[in-house]
Amino acid sequence: MHPSHAIRDIPAISVLNLRMSKNNDPPAIGIIGGSGLYKMEEYDTTEYKIDTPFGPPSDVLLGGKLGERKVYFLPRHGRGHRILPHEINYRANIYALRLLNVRWIISVAAVGSLQEKYAPRDLVLPSQFYDRTSQRTAHTFFGEGIVAHVGFAEPISANLRNLVAESATSLGYTVHNGGTYVNMDGPAFSTRAESEFNHRNGFDVIAMTNLPEAKLAREAEIAFATMAMITDYDAWKVEEEPVSADIILSHLLANAETARRIIVDVIPRIPNQPSWPEHSALDTAMVTDRKLWPKATIEKLGPILARFVAD
């Protein structure tokens, strides 16, 4: 693998041409980079500029090969970290990845620790989320005449999470497999009272971005796992300096390098074919009778509904 630092091409993807067709490209892997991880230098990439029915994603997508696998990378906050958590167009991000036949997503996130055992620069692989956000309407693809309620009791793909754990362990990193991620709105950090509440309730890490990604990935029938990289102890640990952007930034570079190494190791472990439970999540989710689906909504959700639409 030879890293490329030059822009090779920016092909425009026609949503109108692709969203109603079954994408015949091999199933791909998506990487969503968080704070500190804005690019992957381990592989040659082509830039893909995609316009979705939900607007533009956070940035162009970088597509290339890692080994024999097609991988697409998307910086959640945009290159240069230009987008606040509540400004992220989560629907456009996940839609763009699904349009490119991404069926597995590893989402990297900088998080605060809510428990003593999770130290800065440790890696936590959450198995659960606790939702403290207020933007529910922006966290679903459905509506406009088609109702779906996906099962979300287990919001993370256990298979993908365990593969990431195997890679992290094999590389010698401190990894905690399982736990609950509290998703808050932000952009301000927690008050001490909020942080103490989360600590006392036994939650594990806190951040501002991954829950909407997990919800939308489930609706798009994509297996999803979070790599939560600890940067601080939030505000509950009174003997520590309260969390600040300066403290977080001091750990981001080390965490980004950790994430890159784990991603390179885990990608060959991911199966070639999407056959996990998440890949058929809509089988038991669709409520509206197919005969009542509005044509415009079918077209809008083309890559998500393609397998339900007769050729």
Protein backbone atom coordinates (compact mmCIF):
# COMPACT_ATOMS: atom_id res chain seq x y z
CA MET A 1 0.00 0.00 0.00
CA HIS A 2 1.45 3.31 -1.06
CA PRO A 3 -0.13 6.44 0.37
CA SER A 4 -1.16 9.11 -2.08
CA HIS A 5 -1.01 12.77 -1.16
CA ALA A 6 -2.33 14.13 -4.46
CA ILE A 7 -5.92 14.33 -5.66
CA ARG A 8 -6.16 11.82 -8.47
CA ASP A 9 -9.75 12.29 -9.53
CA ILE A 10 -13.11 13.63 -8.37
CA PRO A 11 -15.76 11.60 -10.18
CA ALA A 12 -19.30 12.84 -9.67
CA ILE A 13 -21.68 10.07 -8.58
CA SER A 14 -25.10 10.46 -10.14
CA VAL A 15 -27.63 9.73 -7.42
CA LEU A 16 -30.42 9.65 -9.99
CA ASN A 17 -28.63 6.86 -11.88
CA LEU A 18 -27.56 4.83 -8.87
CA ARG A 19 -30.16 5.18 -6.16
CA MET A 20 -32.79 3.03 -7.88
CA SER A 21 -30.34 0.38 -9.10
CA LYS A 22 -28.94 -2.54 -7.17
CA ASN A 23 -25.27 -1.67 -6.78
CA ASN A 24 -23.24 -4.55 -8.24
CA ASP A 25 -19.94 -3.38 -6.79
CA PRO A 26 -18.41 -5.72 -4.18
CA PRO A 27 -19.64 -4.98 -0.64
CA ALA A 28 -17.42 -2.28 0.83
CA ILE A 29 -16.27 -1.15 4.26
CA GLY A 30 -16.81 2.39 5.53
CA ILE A 31 -14.66 4.26 8.03
CA ILE A 32 -16.06 7.38 9.67
CA GLY A 33 -13.26 9.43 11.17
CA GLY A 34 -13.86 11.55 14.22
CA SER A 35 -11.92 14.27 15.99
CA GLY A 36 -8.26 13.94 15.03
CA LEU A 37 -8.80 11.36 12.28
CA TYR A 38 -9.51 13.27 9.09
CA LYS A 39 -7.80 11.00 6.55
CA MET A 40 -6.22 7.57 6.13
CA GLU A 41 -2.71 7.75 4.70
CA GLU A 42 -2.32 3.98 4.38
CA TYR A 43 -3.85 3.65 0.91
CA ASP A 44 -4.18 5.39 -2.45
CA THR A 45 -7.54 7.09 -2.68
CA THR A 46 -9.93 8.61 -5.17
CA GLU A 47 -12.23 11.40 -4.05
CA TYR A 48 -15.97 10.85 -4.54
CA LYS A 49 -18.18 13.89 -4.46
CA ILE A 50 -21.76 12.80 -3.77
CA ASP A 51 -24.96 14.81 -3.59
CA THR A 52 -27.72 12.95 -1.74
CA PRO A 53 -31.49 13.61 -1.44
CA PHE A 54 -30.68 14.74 2.11
CA GLY A 55 -28.01 17.21 1.03
CA PRO A 56 -24.22 16.92 0.92
CA PRO A 57 -22.19 14.70 3.27
CA SER A 58 -19.64 16.20 5.64
CA ASP A 59 -16.95 16.06 2.95
CA VAL A 60 -15.92 14.16 -0.14
CA LEU A 61 -15.54 10.43 0.44
CA LEU A 62 -12.11 8.89 -0.06
CA GLY A 63 -12.31 5.48 -1.73
CA GLY A 64 -9.53 2.99 -2.28
CA LYS A 65 -8.23 -0.49 -1.61
CA LEU A 66 -6.75 -1.76 1.65
CA GLY A 67 -5.41 -5.14 0.68
CA GLU A 68 -8.17 -6.71 -1.39
CA ARG A 69 -11.04 -4.78 0.19
CA LYS A 70 -12.75 -1.65 -1.06
CA VAL A 71 -12.81 0.96 1.70
CA TYR A 72 -14.45 4.39 1.85
CA PHE A 73 -13.36 6.98 4.40
CA LEU A 74 -15.47 9.96 5.48
CA PRO A 75 -14.32 12.65 7.96
CA ARG A 76 -17.38 13.26 10.15
CA HIS A 77 -16.53 16.87 10.96
CA GLY A 78 -15.04 17.64 7.55
CA ARG A 79 -11.35 17.99 6.88
CA GLY A 80 -10.04 20.74 9.12
CA HIS A 81 -12.81 20.02 11.67
CA ARG A 82 -15.33 22.57 10.39
CA ILE A 83 -18.66 21.02 11.48
CA LEU A 84 -20.15 20.94 14.99
CA PRO A 85 -21.83 17.70 16.16
CA HIS A 86 -25.36 19.10 15.80
CA GLU A 87 -24.52 20.47 12.34
CA ILE A 88 -23.46 17.08 10.92
CA ASN A 89 -25.72 15.83 8.15
CA TYR A 90 -25.88 12.27 9.46
CA ARG A 91 -28.47 11.14 6.93
CA ALA A 92 -26.36 12.35 4.01
CA ASN A 93 -23.26 10.68 5.44
CA ILE A 94 -24.84 7.24 5.88
CA TYR A 95 -26.83 7.51 2.64
CA ALA A 96 -23.66 8.30 0.66
CA LEU A 97 -21.87 5.31 2.13
CA ARG A 98 -24.82 2.99 1.40
CA LEU A 99 -25.00 4.33 -2.14
CA LEU A 100 -21.42 3.07 -2.60
CA ASN A 101 -22.46 -0.38 -1.31
CA VAL A 102 -20.85 -0.01 2.11
CA ARG A 103 -22.19 -2.82 4.33
CA TRP A 104 -19.90 -2.45 7.37
CA ILE A 105 -19.01 0.80 9.15
CA ILE A 106 -16.35 1.34 11.80
CA SER A 107 -16.97 4.71 13.41
CA VAL A 108 -14.09 6.32 15.31
CA ALA A 109 -15.00 8.77 18.06
CA ALA A 110 -13.22 10.82 20.71
CA VAL A 111 -15.06 10.26 24.00
CA GLY A 112 -14.95 11.18 27.66
CA SER A 113 -14.59 8.47 30.30
CA LEU A 114 -17.33 8.14 32.91
CA GLN A 115 -15.59 5.47 34.98
CA GLU A 116 -12.17 5.23 36.64
CA LYS A 117 -11.21 2.07 34.74
CA TYR A 118 -11.26 3.81 31.36
CA ALA A 119 -8.12 5.92 31.15
CA PRO A 120 -7.17 8.44 28.46
CA ARG A 121 -5.89 6.65 25.34
CA ASP A 122 -7.75 3.44 26.23
CA LEU A 123 -10.15 2.05 23.64
CA VAL A 124 -13.77 1.26 24.53
CA LEU A 125 -16.01 -0.70 22.14
CA PRO A 126 -19.55 0.21 23.25
CA SER A 127 -22.33 -2.35 23.00
CA GLN A 128 -25.13 0.06 24.03
CA PHE A 129 -26.22 3.69 23.73
CA TYR A 130 -28.15 6.00 26.03
CA ASP A 131 -29.84 8.78 24.07
CA ARG A 132 -29.79 12.32 25.47
CA THR A 133 -30.23 14.03 22.12
CA SER A 134 -33.18 16.07 20.90
CA GLN A 135 -33.01 15.65 17.12
CA ARG A 136 -35.01 12.46 16.57
CA THR A 137 -36.52 13.54 13.24
CA ALA A 138 -33.02 13.88 11.75
CA HIS A 139 -32.06 10.37 12.86
CA THR A 140 -34.26 8.35 10.49
CA PHE A 141 -34.56 7.92 6.74
CA PHE A 142 -38.22 6.98 6.92
CA GLY A 143 -41.38 9.04 6.80
CA GLU A 144 -43.06 10.72 3.82
CA GLY A 145 -45.47 7.82 3.44
CA ILE A 146 -43.28 4.86 4.46
CA VAL A 147 -43.18 3.81 8.11
CA ALA A 148 -40.46 1.53 9.48
CA HIS A 149 -39.42 0.72 13.04
CA VAL A 150 -36.08 -1.10 13.13
CA GLY A 151 -35.13 -3.31 16.05
CA PHE A 152 -32.51 -1.48 18.10
CA ALA A 153 -32.23 -3.43 21.35
CA GLU A 154 -28.68 -4.33 20.32
CA PRO A 155 -27.56 -1.17 18.49
CA ILE A 156 -24.02 -2.34 17.73
CA SER A 157 -23.02 -5.24 15.51
CA ALA A 158 -21.56 -7.75 17.99
CA ASN A 159 -19.70 -9.54 15.19
CA LEU A 160 -17.97 -6.36 14.02
CA ARG A 161 -17.29 -5.17 17.56
CA ASN A 162 -15.60 -8.47 18.43
CA LEU A 163 -13.44 -8.35 15.31
CA VAL A 164 -12.24 -4.87 16.28
CA ALA A 165 -11.54 -6.15 19.80
CA GLU A 166 -9.44 -9.01 18.40
CA SER A 167 -7.38 -6.62 16.30
CA ALA A 168 -6.86 -4.12 19.14
CA THR A 169 -5.81 -6.90 21.52
CA SER A 170 -3.44 -8.47 19.00
CA LEU A 171 -1.74 -5.09 18.56
CA GLY A 172 -1.26 -4.68 22.30
CA TYR A 173 -3.71 -1.87 22.99
CA THR A 174 -5.81 -1.57 26.15
CA VAL A 175 -9.31 -2.37 24.93
CA HIS A 176 -12.59 -2.70 26.85
CA ASN A 177 -15.11 -4.75 24.86
CA GLY A 178 -18.62 -3.58 25.77
CA GLY A 179 -20.19 -0.69 27.65
CA THR A 180 -22.70 2.13 27.26
CA TYR A 181 -22.06 5.29 25.27
CA VAL A 182 -24.11 8.33 26.36
CA ASN A 183 -24.90 10.51 23.35
CA MET A 184 -25.46 14.17 24.28
CA ASP A 185 -26.24 17.11 22.01
CA GLY A 186 -23.33 19.42 22.81
CA PRO A 187 -21.51 21.37 21.62
CA ALA A 188 -20.69 22.42 25.21
CA PHE A 189 -19.31 19.67 27.43
CA SER A 190 -21.33 18.30 30.38
CA THR A 191 -21.98 20.24 33.54
CA ARG A 192 -20.48 18.55 36.59
CA ALA A 193 -23.99 17.61 37.78
CA GLU A 194 -24.76 15.92 34.45
CA SER A 195 -21.42 14.14 34.45
CA GLU A 196 -21.88 12.91 38.03
CA PHE A 197 -25.37 11.64 37.11
CA ASN A 198 -23.96 9.65 34.19
CA HIS A 199 -21.12 8.32 36.36
CA ARG A 200 -23.46 7.22 39.18
CA ASN A 201 -25.77 5.48 36.73
CA GLY A 202 -22.94 3.27 35.58
CA PHE A 203 -22.62 4.59 32.04
CA ASP A 204 -19.18 4.21 30.51
CA VAL A 205 -18.32 6.91 27.96
CA ILE A 206 -19.89 10.11 26.66
CA ALA A 207 -19.71 11.96 23.35
CA MET A 208 -21.88 13.75 20.80
CA THR A 209 -22.02 11.87 17.50
CA ASN A 210 -22.34 8.08 17.29
CA LEU A 211 -25.96 7.32 18.17
CA PRO A 212 -27.50 8.89 15.04
CA GLU A 213 -24.92 7.08 12.92
CA ALA A 214 -25.84 3.77 14.53
CA LYS A 215 -29.59 4.35 14.06
CA LEU A 216 -29.24 5.30 10.41
CA ALA A 217 -26.80 2.48 9.70
CA ARG A 218 -29.35 0.00 11.07
CA GLU A 219 -32.04 1.43 8.79
CA ALA A 220 -29.62 1.20 5.87
CA GLU A 221 -28.86 -2.45 6.78
CA ILE A 222 -25.21 -1.72 7.52
CA ALA A 223 -23.34 -3.48 10.34
CA PHE A 224 -22.00 -0.76 12.62
CA ALA A 225 -19.43 -0.61 15.43
CA THR A 226 -17.91 2.25 17.39
CA MET A 227 -14.24 2.66 18.30
CA ALA A 228 -14.46 5.03 21.26
CA MET A 229 -11.07 6.58 21.97
CA ILE A 230 -10.77 7.99 25.50
CA THR A 231 -9.42 11.53 25.72
CA ASP A 232 -10.46 12.68 29.22
CA TYR A 233 -12.52 11.96 32.36
CA ASP A 234 -15.37 14.33 31.49
CA ALA A 235 -16.27 16.47 34.56
CA TRP A 236 -17.29 13.93 37.23
CA LYS A 237 -13.72 13.20 38.43
CA VAL A 238 -13.17 16.22 40.65
CA GLU A 239 -9.47 15.51 41.25
CA GLU A 240 -8.91 15.85 37.49
CA GLU A 241 -8.92 19.12 35.59
CA PRO A 242 -12.39 19.57 34.00
CA VAL A 243 -12.55 18.54 30.39
CA SER A 244 -11.51 21.16 27.86
CA ALA A 245 -10.67 21.26 24.17
CA ASP A 246 -6.97 21.65 25.05
CA ILE A 247 -6.97 18.44 27.12
CA ILE A 248 -8.76 16.51 24.39
CA LEU A 249 -6.44 17.74 21.66
CA SER A 250 -3.41 16.55 23.62
CA HIS A 251 -4.57 12.94 23.21
CA LEU A 252 -6.04 13.08 19.71
CA LEU A 253 -2.88 12.45 17.71
CA ALA A 254 -1.99 9.34 19.71
CA ASN A 255 -5.56 8.05 19.47
CA ALA A 256 -5.69 8.68 15.71
CA GLU A 257 -2.55 6.59 15.17
CA THR A 258 -4.06 3.81 17.31
CA ALA A 259 -7.25 3.89 15.23
CA ARG A 260 -5.33 3.73 11.95
CA ARG A 261 -3.34 0.68 13.03
CA ILE A 262 -6.42 -1.17 14.27
CA ILE A 263 -8.40 -0.38 11.10
CA VAL A 264 -5.63 -1.71 8.85
CA ASP A 265 -5.51 -4.91 10.92
CA VAL A 266 -9.26 -5.51 11.20
CA ILE A 267 -10.29 -4.96 7.58
CA PRO A 268 -9.00 -8.36 6.34
CA ARG A 269 -10.95 -10.03 9.20
CA ILE A 270 -14.31 -8.71 7.94
CA PRO A 271 -16.27 -11.22 5.80
CA ASN A 272 -16.60 -10.63 2.08
CA GLN A 273 -20.36 -11.09 2.03
CA PRO A 274 -22.96 -9.24 4.15
CA SER A 275 -24.78 -12.04 5.98
CA TRP A 276 -25.03 -10.75 9.56
CA PRO A 277 -28.37 -9.91 11.20
CA GLU A 278 -27.91 -6.17 10.60
CA HIS A 279 -27.79 -6.80 6.85
CA SER A 280 -31.47 -7.79 6.83
CA ALA A 281 -32.73 -5.44 9.55
CA LEU A 282 -35.62 -4.14 7.45
CA ASP A 283 -37.18 -7.59 7.06
CA THR A 284 -39.09 -7.12 10.31
CA ALA A 285 -39.24 -3.31 10.31
CA MET A 286 -41.50 -2.28 7.45
CA VAL A 287 -45.02 -1.32 8.57
CA THR A 288 -46.61 0.42 5.58
CA ASP A 289 -48.11 -1.88 2.95
CA ARG A 290 -45.84 -1.96 -0.10
CA LYS A 291 -48.76 -1.01 -2.36
CA LEU A 292 -49.08 2.30 -0.48
CA TRP A 293 -45.46 3.39 -0.78
CA PRO A 294 -45.26 6.77 -2.56
CA LYS A 295 -43.18 6.63 -5.71
CA ALA A 296 -41.23 9.74 -4.72
CA THR A 297 -40.20 8.19 -1.39
CA ILE A 298 -39.20 4.94 -3.07
CA GLU A 299 -36.96 6.91 -5.41
CA LYS A 300 -35.55 9.00 -2.57
CA LEU A 301 -34.61 5.90 -0.56
CA GLY A 302 -33.43 3.93 -3.59
CA PRO A 303 -30.25 2.30 -2.23
CA ILE A 304 -32.00 1.42 1.05
CA LEU A 305 -35.18 -0.01 -0.49
CA ALA A 306 -33.70 -1.50 -3.67
CA ARG A 307 -34.08 -5.12 -2.58
CA PHE A 308 -37.77 -4.55 -1.78
CA VAL A 309 -38.58 -3.03 -5.17
CA ALA A 310 -39.39 -5.40 -8.03
CA ASP A 311 -37.12 -5.18 -11.04
